[in-house]
Amino acid sequence: MNIIRDIQTLSEFKKNASKLVKQVQETKQSIVLTVNGQAVAVVQDAESYQNSLNDRELAESVDVLKERISKLRKGGERIPAEEVFSKISKKYGVKFD
């Protein structure tokens, strides 16, 4: 992060929004917006934001899987594969042959 370039006041952002948005798109570096010296918002390009969402979703899925594996190792309920595939088929309209 370049402190001079990537941290801007909200007032400065309002004055130069087009220029700063173009900068974010070109550099892929977020801009931190401040009010009274305090960070209040981040401007980020759409692709980077989508990547962040994807990473968060993956991390949440991994956490759920780790928890479920842990429960299974401690003797948790096991569901037959046929039942799992049947539920998936009904829920998502997927056919397993």
PDB file of N, CA and C in Angstrom:
ATOM      1  N   MET A   1       0.847  -1.181   0.000  1.00  0.00           N
ATOM      2  CA  MET A   1       0.000   0.000   0.000  1.00  0.00           C
ATOM      3  C   MET A   1       0.889   1.239   0.000  1.00  0.00           C
ATOM      4  N   ASN A   2       0.544   2.188  -0.835  1.00  0.00           N
ATOM      5  CA  ASN A   2       1.228   3.470  -0.898  1.00  0.00           C
ATOM      6  C   ASN A   2       0.386   4.457  -0.089  1.00  0.00           C
ATOM      7  N   ILE A   3       0.863   4.838   1.092  1.00  0.00           N
ATOM      8  CA  ILE A   3       0.066   5.658   2.015  1.00  0.00           C
ATOM      9  C   ILE A   3      -0.392   6.960   1.370  1.00  0.00           C
ATOM     10  N   ILE A   4       0.462   7.614   0.627  1.00  0.00           N
ATOM     11  CA  ILE A   4       0.088   8.892   0.009  1.00  0.00           C
ATOM     12  C   ILE A   4      -0.965   8.692  -1.070  1.00  0.00           C
ATOM     13  N   ARG A   5      -0.836   7.626  -1.850  1.00  0.00           N
ATOM     14  CA  ARG A   5      -1.760   7.385  -2.949  1.00  0.00           C
ATOM     15  C   ARG A   5      -3.026   6.659  -2.500  1.00  0.00           C
ATOM     16  N   ASP A   6      -2.908   5.723  -1.560  1.00  0.00           N
ATOM     17  CA  ASP A   6      -4.002   4.803  -1.262  1.00  0.00           C
ATOM     18  C   ASP A   6      -4.817   5.154  -0.017  1.00  0.00           C
ATOM     19  N   ILE A   7      -4.478   6.241   0.668  1.00  0.00           N
ATOM     20  CA  ILE A   7      -5.302   6.722   1.774  1.00  0.00           C
ATOM     21  C   ILE A   7      -5.722   8.148   1.421  1.00  0.00           C
ATOM     22  N   GLN A   8      -7.028   8.344   1.314  1.00  0.00           N
ATOM     23  CA  GLN A   8      -7.574   9.632   0.891  1.00  0.00           C
ATOM     24  C   GLN A   8      -8.694  10.058   1.844  1.00  0.00           C
ATOM     25  N   THR A   9      -8.857  11.357   1.980  1.00  0.00           N
ATOM     26  CA  THR A   9     -10.004  11.834   2.743  1.00  0.00           C
ATOM     27  C   THR A   9     -11.258  11.664   1.900  1.00  0.00           C
ATOM     28  N   LEU A  10     -12.375  11.566   2.572  1.00  0.00           N
ATOM     29  CA  LEU A  10     -13.645  11.446   1.851  1.00  0.00           C
ATOM     30  C   LEU A  10     -13.874  12.684   0.991  1.00  0.00           C
ATOM     31  N   SER A  11     -13.502  13.847   1.494  1.00  0.00           N
ATOM     32  CA  SER A  11     -13.646  15.084   0.723  1.00  0.00           C
ATOM     33  C   SER A  11     -12.832  15.036  -0.560  1.00  0.00           C
ATOM     34  N   GLU A  12     -11.601  14.547  -0.462  1.00  0.00           N
ATOM     35  CA  GLU A  12     -10.736  14.428  -1.642  1.00  0.00           C
ATOM     36  C   GLU A  12     -11.330  13.424  -2.626  1.00  0.00           C
ATOM     37  N   PHE A  13     -11.888  12.336  -2.109  1.00  0.00           N
ATOM     38  CA  PHE A  13     -12.505  11.341  -2.974  1.00  0.00           C
ATOM     39  C   PHE A  13     -13.693  11.944  -3.719  1.00  0.00           C
ATOM     40  N   LYS A  14     -14.497  12.738  -3.030  1.00  0.00           N
ATOM     41  CA  LYS A  14     -15.652  13.378  -3.676  1.00  0.00           C
ATOM     42  C   LYS A  14     -15.196  14.287  -4.819  1.00  0.00           C
ATOM     43  N   LYS A  15     -14.109  15.005  -4.611  1.00  0.00           N
ATOM     44  CA  LYS A  15     -13.605  15.928  -5.634  1.00  0.00           C
ATOM     45  C   LYS A  15     -13.034  15.187  -6.848  1.00  0.00           C
ATOM     46  N   ASN A  16     -12.408  14.040  -6.598  1.00  0.00           N
ATOM     47  CA  ASN A  16     -11.676  13.332  -7.660  1.00  0.00           C
ATOM     48  C   ASN A  16     -12.141  11.890  -7.824  1.00  0.00           C
ATOM     49  N   ALA A  17     -13.423  11.639  -7.657  1.00  0.00           N
ATOM     50  CA  ALA A  17     -13.930  10.261  -7.673  1.00  0.00           C
ATOM     51  C   ALA A  17     -13.554   9.517  -8.952  1.00  0.00           C
ATOM     52  N   SER A  18     -13.778  10.126 -10.105  1.00  0.00           N
ATOM     53  CA  SER A  18     -13.481   9.441 -11.376  1.00  0.00           C
ATOM     54  C   SER A  18     -12.015   9.050 -11.472  1.00  0.00           C
ATOM     55  N   LYS A  19     -11.140   9.987 -11.132  1.00  0.00           N
ATOM     56  CA  LYS A  19      -9.699   9.739 -11.196  1.00  0.00           C
ATOM     57  C   LYS A  19      -9.303   8.627 -10.221  1.00  0.00           C
ATOM     58  N   LEU A  20      -9.832   8.672  -9.012  1.00  0.00           N
ATOM     59  CA  LEU A  20      -9.458   7.686  -8.010  1.00  0.00           C
ATOM     60  C   LEU A  20     -10.034   6.302  -8.321  1.00  0.00           C
ATOM     61  N   VAL A  21     -11.235   6.246  -8.859  1.00  0.00           N
ATOM     62  CA  VAL A  21     -11.801   4.956  -9.263  1.00  0.00           C
ATOM     63  C   VAL A  21     -10.958   4.357 -10.390  1.00  0.00           C
ATOM     64  N   LYS A  22     -10.545   5.173 -11.339  1.00  0.00           N
ATOM     65  CA  LYS A  22      -9.682   4.696 -12.423  1.00  0.00           C
ATOM     66  C   LYS A  22      -8.365   4.155 -11.857  1.00  0.00           C
ATOM     67  N   GLN A  23      -7.819   4.866 -10.869  1.00  0.00           N
ATOM     68  CA  GLN A  23      -6.586   4.422 -10.212  1.00  0.00           C
ATOM     69  C   GLN A  23      -6.775   3.043  -9.580  1.00  0.00           C
ATOM     70  N   VAL A  24      -7.895   2.855  -8.892  1.00  0.00           N
ATOM     71  CA  VAL A  24      -8.185   1.566  -8.255  1.00  0.00           C
ATOM     72  C   VAL A  24      -8.285   0.465  -9.306  1.00  0.00           C
ATOM     73  N   GLN A  25      -8.951   0.749 -10.407  1.00  0.00           N
ATOM     74  CA  GLN A  25      -9.096  -0.244 -11.470  1.00  0.00           C
ATOM     75  C   GLN A  25      -7.753  -0.605 -12.091  1.00  0.00           C
ATOM     76  N   GLU A  26      -6.900   0.379 -12.275  1.00  0.00           N
ATOM     77  CA  GLU A  26      -5.605   0.140 -12.919  1.00  0.00           C
ATOM     78  C   GLU A  26      -4.604  -0.543 -12.000  1.00  0.00           C
ATOM     79  N   THR A  27      -4.547  -0.100 -10.736  1.00  0.00           N
ATOM     80  CA  THR A  27      -3.532  -0.621  -9.819  1.00  0.00           C
ATOM     81  C   THR A  27      -3.989  -1.863  -9.063  1.00  0.00           C
ATOM     82  N   LYS A  28      -5.319  -2.086  -9.008  1.00  0.00           N
ATOM     83  CA  LYS A  28      -5.904  -3.177  -8.211  1.00  0.00           C
ATOM     84  C   LYS A  28      -5.612  -2.988  -6.722  1.00  0.00           C
ATOM     85  N   GLN A  29      -5.229  -1.775  -6.344  1.00  0.00           N
ATOM     86  CA  GLN A  29      -4.980  -1.436  -4.943  1.00  0.00           C
ATOM     87  C   GLN A  29      -6.177  -0.677  -4.395  1.00  0.00           C
ATOM     88  N   SER A  30      -6.662  -1.099  -3.257  1.00  0.00           N
ATOM     89  CA  SER A  30      -7.794  -0.431  -2.623  1.00  0.00           C
ATOM     90  C   SER A  30      -7.385   0.949  -2.129  1.00  0.00           C
ATOM     91  N   ILE A  31      -8.380   1.809  -1.978  1.00  0.00           N
ATOM     92  CA  ILE A  31      -8.163   3.128  -1.389  1.00  0.00           C
ATOM     93  C   ILE A  31      -8.939   3.176  -0.080  1.00  0.00           C
ATOM     94  N   VAL A  32      -8.272   3.594   0.973  1.00  0.00           N
ATOM     95  CA  VAL A  32      -8.911   3.765   2.272  1.00  0.00           C
ATOM     96  C   VAL A  32      -9.376   5.211   2.361  1.00  0.00           C
ATOM     97  N   LEU A  33     -10.658   5.398   2.665  1.00  0.00           N
ATOM     98  CA  LEU A  33     -11.208   6.743   2.814  1.00  0.00           C
ATOM     99  C   LEU A  33     -11.295   7.077   4.293  1.00  0.00           C
ATOM    100  N   THR A  34     -10.907   8.307   4.611  1.00  0.00           N
ATOM    101  CA  THR A  34     -10.914   8.741   6.001  1.00  0.00           C
ATOM    102  C   THR A  34     -11.826   9.940   6.208  1.00  0.00           C
ATOM    103  N   VAL A  35     -12.340  10.044   7.422  1.00  0.00           N
ATOM    104  CA  VAL A  35     -13.082  11.220   7.876  1.00  0.00           C
ATOM    105  C   VAL A  35     -12.489  11.579   9.231  1.00  0.00           C
ATOM    106  N   ASN A  36     -12.045  12.820   9.352  1.00  0.00           N
ATOM    107  CA  ASN A  36     -11.395  13.279  10.590  1.00  0.00           C
ATOM    108  C   ASN A  36     -10.248  12.361  11.014  1.00  0.00           C
ATOM    109  N   GLY A  37      -9.498  11.876  10.026  1.00  0.00           N
ATOM    110  CA  GLY A  37      -8.329  11.053  10.303  1.00  0.00           C
ATOM    111  C   GLY A  37      -8.620   9.598  10.617  1.00  0.00           C
ATOM    112  N   GLN A  38      -9.873   9.200  10.620  1.00  0.00           N
ATOM    113  CA  GLN A  38     -10.250   7.820  10.925  1.00  0.00           C
ATOM    114  C   GLN A  38     -10.699   7.104   9.654  1.00  0.00           C
ATOM    115  N   ALA A  39     -10.237   5.901   9.456  1.00  0.00           N
ATOM    116  CA  ALA A  39     -10.663   5.104   8.307  1.00  0.00           C
ATOM    117  C   ALA A  39     -12.153   4.794   8.440  1.00  0.00           C
ATOM    118  N   VAL A  40     -12.917   5.052   7.364  1.00  0.00           N
ATOM    119  CA  VAL A  40     -14.364   4.817   7.404  1.00  0.00           C
ATOM    120  C   VAL A  40     -14.860   3.915   6.275  1.00  0.00           C
ATOM    121  N   ALA A  41     -14.094   3.801   5.197  1.00  0.00           N
ATOM    122  CA  ALA A  41     -14.544   2.988   4.068  1.00  0.00           C
ATOM    123  C   ALA A  41     -13.346   2.613   3.207  1.00  0.00           C
ATOM    124  N   VAL A  42     -13.577   1.580   2.383  1.00  0.00           N
ATOM    125  CA  VAL A  42     -12.551   1.130   1.450  1.00  0.00           C
ATOM    126  C   VAL A  42     -13.176   1.057   0.066  1.00  0.00           C
ATOM    127  N   VAL A  43     -12.483   1.607  -0.922  1.00  0.00           N
ATOM    128  CA  VAL A  43     -12.916   1.516  -2.314  1.00  0.00           C
ATOM    129  C   VAL A  43     -12.031   0.463  -2.966  1.00  0.00           C
ATOM    130  N   GLN A  44     -12.693  -0.535  -3.574  1.00  0.00           N
ATOM    131  CA  GLN A  44     -11.977  -1.674  -4.120  1.00  0.00           C
ATOM    132  C   GLN A  44     -12.537  -1.991  -5.498  1.00  0.00           C
ATOM    133  N   ASP A  45     -11.687  -2.481  -6.411  1.00  0.00           N
ATOM    134  CA  ASP A  45     -12.196  -2.848  -7.730  1.00  0.00           C
ATOM    135  C   ASP A  45     -13.077  -4.087  -7.610  1.00  0.00           C
ATOM    136  N   ALA A  46     -14.010  -4.228  -8.536  1.00  0.00           N
ATOM    137  CA  ALA A  46     -15.015  -5.279  -8.467  1.00  0.00           C
ATOM    138  C   ALA A  46     -14.405  -6.682  -8.500  1.00  0.00           C
ATOM    139  N   GLU A  47     -13.396  -6.894  -9.314  1.00  0.00           N
ATOM    140  CA  GLU A  47     -12.777  -8.221  -9.407  1.00  0.00           C
ATOM    141  C   GLU A  47     -12.130  -8.627  -8.086  1.00  0.00           C
ATOM    142  N   SER A  48     -11.421  -7.710  -7.462  1.00  0.00           N
ATOM    143  CA  SER A  48     -10.795  -8.002  -6.166  1.00  0.00           C
ATOM    144  C   SER A  48     -11.846  -8.269  -5.099  1.00  0.00           C
ATOM    145  N   TYR A  49     -12.934  -7.503  -5.150  1.00  0.00           N
ATOM    146  CA  TYR A  49     -14.013  -7.709  -4.189  1.00  0.00           C
ATOM    147  C   TYR A  49     -14.629  -9.095  -4.387  1.00  0.00           C
ATOM    148  N   GLN A  50     -14.884  -9.484  -5.630  1.00  0.00           N
ATOM    149  CA  GLN A  50     -15.439 -10.813  -5.905  1.00  0.00           C
ATOM    150  C   GLN A  50     -14.499 -11.897  -5.424  1.00  0.00           C
ATOM    151  N   ASN A  51     -13.190 -11.709  -5.648  1.00  0.00           N
ATOM    152  CA  ASN A  51     -12.211 -12.676  -5.163  1.00  0.00           C
ATOM    153  C   ASN A  51     -12.257 -12.792  -3.642  1.00  0.00           C
ATOM    154  N   SER A  52     -12.426 -11.669  -2.964  1.00  0.00           N
ATOM    155  CA  SER A  52     -12.540 -11.683  -1.497  1.00  0.00           C
ATOM    156  C   SER A  52     -13.775 -12.464  -1.054  1.00  0.00           C
ATOM    157  N   LEU A  53     -14.893 -12.234  -1.749  1.00  0.00           N
ATOM    158  CA  LEU A  53     -16.117 -12.977  -1.427  1.00  0.00           C
ATOM    159  C   LEU A  53     -15.918 -14.475  -1.640  1.00  0.00           C
ATOM    160  N   ASN A  54     -15.284 -14.839  -2.752  1.00  0.00           N
ATOM    161  CA  ASN A  54     -15.030 -16.248  -3.052  1.00  0.00           C
ATOM    162  C   ASN A  54     -14.130 -16.871  -1.985  1.00  0.00           C
ATOM    163  N   ASP A  55     -13.084 -16.142  -1.591  1.00  0.00           N
ATOM    164  CA  ASP A  55     -12.163 -16.644  -0.562  1.00  0.00           C
ATOM    165  C   ASP A  55     -12.890 -16.848   0.765  1.00  0.00           C
ATOM    166  N   ARG A  56     -13.751 -15.905   1.128  1.00  0.00           N
ATOM    167  CA  ARG A  56     -14.498 -16.007   2.381  1.00  0.00           C
ATOM    168  C   ARG A  56     -15.447 -17.205   2.342  1.00  0.00           C
ATOM    169  N   GLU A  57     -16.128 -17.380   1.202  1.00  0.00           N
ATOM    170  CA  GLU A  57     -17.053 -18.506   1.067  1.00  0.00           C
ATOM    171  C   GLU A  57     -16.306 -19.834   1.167  1.00  0.00           C
ATOM    172  N   LEU A  58     -15.151 -19.926   0.535  1.00  0.00           N
ATOM    173  CA  LEU A  58     -14.346 -21.137   0.604  1.00  0.00           C
ATOM    174  C   LEU A  58     -13.898 -21.399   2.044  1.00  0.00           C
ATOM    175  N   ALA A  59     -13.434 -20.359   2.727  1.00  0.00           N
ATOM    176  CA  ALA A  59     -12.980 -20.512   4.114  1.00  0.00           C
ATOM    177  C   ALA A  59     -14.123 -20.983   5.013  1.00  0.00           C
ATOM    178  N   GLU A  60     -15.312 -20.431   4.800  1.00  0.00           N
ATOM    179  CA  GLU A  60     -16.468 -20.850   5.591  1.00  0.00           C
ATOM    180  C   GLU A  60     -16.815 -22.314   5.312  1.00  0.00           C
ATOM    181  N   SER A  61     -16.740 -22.725   4.050  1.00  0.00           N
ATOM    182  CA  SER A  61     -17.018 -24.117   3.694  1.00  0.00           C
ATOM    183  C   SER A  61     -16.004 -25.057   4.335  1.00  0.00           C
ATOM    184  N   VAL A  62     -14.749 -24.671   4.310  1.00  0.00           N
ATOM    185  CA  VAL A  62     -13.698 -25.482   4.921  1.00  0.00           C
ATOM    186  C   VAL A  62     -13.950 -25.608   6.426  1.00  0.00           C
ATOM    187  N   ASP A  63     -14.327 -24.516   7.073  1.00  0.00           N
ATOM    188  CA  ASP A  63     -14.621 -24.557   8.510  1.00  0.00           C
ATOM    189  C   ASP A  63     -15.769 -25.518   8.816  1.00  0.00           C
ATOM    190  N   VAL A  64     -16.820 -25.468   7.999  1.00  0.00           N
ATOM    191  CA  VAL A  64     -17.959 -26.375   8.197  1.00  0.00           C
ATOM    192  C   VAL A  64     -17.515 -27.822   8.025  1.00  0.00           C
ATOM    193  N   LEU A  65     -16.741 -28.087   6.979  1.00  0.00           N
ATOM    194  CA  LEU A  65     -16.270 -29.456   6.738  1.00  0.00           C
ATOM    195  C   LEU A  65     -15.382 -29.949   7.878  1.00  0.00           C
ATOM    196  N   LYS A  66     -14.503 -29.094   8.387  1.00  0.00           N
ATOM    197  CA  LYS A  66     -13.638 -29.483   9.511  1.00  0.00           C
ATOM    198  C   LYS A  66     -14.481 -29.838  10.738  1.00  0.00           C
ATOM    199  N   GLU A  67     -15.502 -29.032  10.988  1.00  0.00           N
ATOM    200  CA  GLU A  67     -16.376 -29.281  12.135  1.00  0.00           C
ATOM    201  C   GLU A  67     -17.113 -30.611  11.972  1.00  0.00           C
ATOM    202  N   ARG A  68     -17.629 -30.857  10.779  1.00  0.00           N
ATOM    203  CA  ARG A  68     -18.370 -32.101  10.539  1.00  0.00           C
ATOM    204  C   ARG A  68     -17.468 -33.322  10.611  1.00  0.00           C
ATOM    205  N   ILE A  69     -16.255 -33.207  10.101  1.00  0.00           N
ATOM    206  CA  ILE A  69     -15.300 -34.318  10.183  1.00  0.00           C
ATOM    207  C   ILE A  69     -14.969 -34.601  11.644  1.00  0.00           C
ATOM    208  N   SER A  70     -14.784 -33.546  12.415  1.00  0.00           N
ATOM    209  CA  SER A  70     -14.498 -33.702  13.839  1.00  0.00           C
ATOM    210  C   SER A  70     -15.638 -34.427  14.548  1.00  0.00           C
ATOM    211  N   LYS A  71     -16.875 -34.062  14.242  1.00  0.00           N
ATOM    212  CA  LYS A  71     -18.035 -34.726  14.853  1.00  0.00           C
ATOM    213  C   LYS A  71     -18.081 -36.201  14.468  1.00  0.00           C
ATOM    214  N   LEU A  72     -17.775 -36.499  13.204  1.00  0.00           N
ATOM    215  CA  LEU A  72     -17.769 -37.893  12.761  1.00  0.00           C
ATOM    216  C   LEU A  72     -16.710 -38.696  13.504  1.00  0.00           C
ATOM    217  N   ARG A  73     -15.548 -38.109  13.685  1.00  0.00           N
ATOM    218  CA  ARG A  73     -14.460 -38.807  14.387  1.00  0.00           C
ATOM    219  C   ARG A  73     -14.821 -39.071  15.849  1.00  0.00           C
ATOM    220  N   LYS A  74     -15.717 -38.259  16.386  1.00  0.00           N
ATOM    221  CA  LYS A  74     -16.155 -38.432  17.778  1.00  0.00           C
ATOM    222  C   LYS A  74     -17.405 -39.301  17.862  1.00  0.00           C
ATOM    223  N   GLY A  75     -17.725 -39.998  16.767  1.00  0.00           N
ATOM    224  CA  GLY A  75     -18.858 -40.914  16.789  1.00  0.00           C
ATOM    225  C   GLY A  75     -20.176 -40.307  16.365  1.00  0.00           C
ATOM    226  N   GLY A  76     -20.149 -39.202  15.674  1.00  0.00           N
ATOM    227  CA  GLY A  76     -21.368 -38.548  15.214  1.00  0.00           C
ATOM    228  C   GLY A  76     -22.137 -39.391  14.210  1.00  0.00           C
ATOM    229  N   GLU A  77     -23.352 -38.973  13.958  1.00  0.00           N
ATOM    230  CA  GLU A  77     -24.242 -39.706  13.050  1.00  0.00           C
ATOM    231  C   GLU A  77     -23.655 -39.786  11.643  1.00  0.00           C
ATOM    232  N   ARG A  78     -23.754 -40.973  11.079  1.00  0.00           N
ATOM    233  CA  ARG A  78     -23.310 -41.189   9.700  1.00  0.00           C
ATOM    234  C   ARG A  78     -24.550 -41.423   8.845  1.00  0.00           C
ATOM    235  N   ILE A  79     -24.539 -40.844   7.640  1.00  0.00           N
ATOM    236  CA  ILE A  79     -25.670 -40.982   6.721  1.00  0.00           C
ATOM    237  C   ILE A  79     -25.185 -41.771   5.512  1.00  0.00           C
ATOM    238  N   PRO A  80     -25.931 -42.799   5.113  1.00  0.00           N
ATOM    239  CA  PRO A  80     -25.525 -43.588   3.934  1.00  0.00           C
ATOM    240  C   PRO A  80     -25.436 -42.711   2.683  1.00  0.00           C
ATOM    241  N   ALA A  81     -24.488 -43.040   1.817  1.00  0.00           N
ATOM    242  CA  ALA A  81     -24.259 -42.263   0.594  1.00  0.00           C
ATOM    243  C   ALA A  81     -25.521 -42.170  -0.254  1.00  0.00           C
ATOM    244  N   GLU A  82     -26.284 -43.250  -0.326  1.00  0.00           N
ATOM    245  CA  GLU A  82     -27.500 -43.241  -1.139  1.00  0.00           C
ATOM    246  C   GLU A  82     -28.470 -42.153  -0.655  1.00  0.00           C
ATOM    247  N   GLU A  83     -28.556 -41.994   0.648  1.00  0.00           N
ATOM    248  CA  GLU A  83     -29.447 -40.976   1.215  1.00  0.00           C
ATOM    249  C   GLU A  83     -28.939 -39.565   0.896  1.00  0.00           C
ATOM    250  N   VAL A  84     -27.630 -39.389   0.975  1.00  0.00           N
ATOM    251  CA  VAL A  84     -27.034 -38.081   0.665  1.00  0.00           C
ATOM    252  C   VAL A  84     -27.297 -37.732  -0.795  1.00  0.00           C
ATOM    253  N   PHE A  85     -27.051 -38.679  -1.708  1.00  0.00           N
ATOM    254  CA  PHE A  85     -27.267 -38.427  -3.130  1.00  0.00           C
ATOM    255  C   PHE A  85     -28.739 -38.166  -3.426  1.00  0.00           C
ATOM    256  N   SER A  86     -29.612 -38.861  -2.740  1.00  0.00           N
ATOM    257  CA  SER A  86     -31.048 -38.651  -2.920  1.00  0.00           C
ATOM    258  C   SER A  86     -31.446 -37.230  -2.513  1.00  0.00           C
ATOM    259  N   LYS A  87     -30.911 -36.764  -1.390  1.00  0.00           N
ATOM    260  CA  LYS A  87     -31.221 -35.398  -0.919  1.00  0.00           C
ATOM    261  C   LYS A  87     -30.678 -34.349  -1.892  1.00  0.00           C
ATOM    262  N   ILE A  88     -29.471 -34.577  -2.374  1.00  0.00           N
ATOM    263  CA  ILE A  88     -28.871 -33.641  -3.333  1.00  0.00           C
ATOM    264  C   ILE A  88     -29.695 -33.620  -4.614  1.00  0.00           C
ATOM    265  N   SER A  89     -30.092 -34.793  -5.067  1.00  0.00           N
ATOM    266  CA  SER A  89     -30.879 -34.910  -6.289  1.00  0.00           C
ATOM    267  C   SER A  89     -32.189 -34.138  -6.174  1.00  0.00           C
ATOM    268  N   LYS A  90     -32.875 -34.299  -5.052  1.00  0.00           N
ATOM    269  CA  LYS A  90     -34.145 -33.604  -4.843  1.00  0.00           C
ATOM    270  C   LYS A  90     -33.950 -32.098  -4.715  1.00  0.00           C
ATOM    271  N   LYS A  91     -32.946 -31.697  -3.951  1.00  0.00           N
ATOM    272  CA  LYS A  91     -32.730 -30.278  -3.680  1.00  0.00           C
ATOM    273  C   LYS A  91     -32.278 -29.501  -4.920  1.00  0.00           C
ATOM    274  N   TYR A  92     -31.379 -30.092  -5.705  1.00  0.00           N
ATOM    275  CA  TYR A  92     -30.767 -29.366  -6.827  1.00  0.00           C
ATOM    276  C   TYR A  92     -31.188 -29.882  -8.196  1.00  0.00           C
ATOM    277  N   GLY A  93     -32.013 -30.911  -8.231  1.00  0.00           N
ATOM    278  CA  GLY A  93     -32.458 -31.446  -9.516  1.00  0.00           C
ATOM    279  C   GLY A  93     -31.355 -32.146 -10.284  1.00  0.00           C
ATOM    280  N   VAL A  94     -30.397 -32.693  -9.557  1.00  0.00           N
ATOM    281  CA  VAL A  94     -29.268 -33.398 -10.174  1.00  0.00           C
ATOM    282  C   VAL A  94     -29.568 -34.890 -10.160  1.00  0.00           C
ATOM    283  N   LYS A  95     -29.242 -35.559 -11.262  1.00  0.00           N
ATOM    284  CA  LYS A  95     -29.452 -37.002 -11.332  1.00  0.00           C
ATOM    285  C   LYS A  95     -28.103 -37.704 -11.292  1.00  0.00           C
ATOM    286  N   PHE A  96     -28.037 -38.737 -10.448  1.00  0.00           N
ATOM    287  CA  PHE A  96     -26.838 -39.561 -10.348  1.00  0.00           C
ATOM    288  C   PHE A  96     -27.162 -40.929 -10.931  1.00  0.00           C
ATOM    289  N   ASP A  97     -26.421 -41.309 -11.941  1.00  0.00           N
ATOM    290  CA  ASP A  97     -26.648 -42.617 -12.578  1.00  0.00           C
ATOM    291  C   ASP A  97     -25.537 -43.580 -12.273  1.00  0.00           C
TER     292      ASP A  97
END
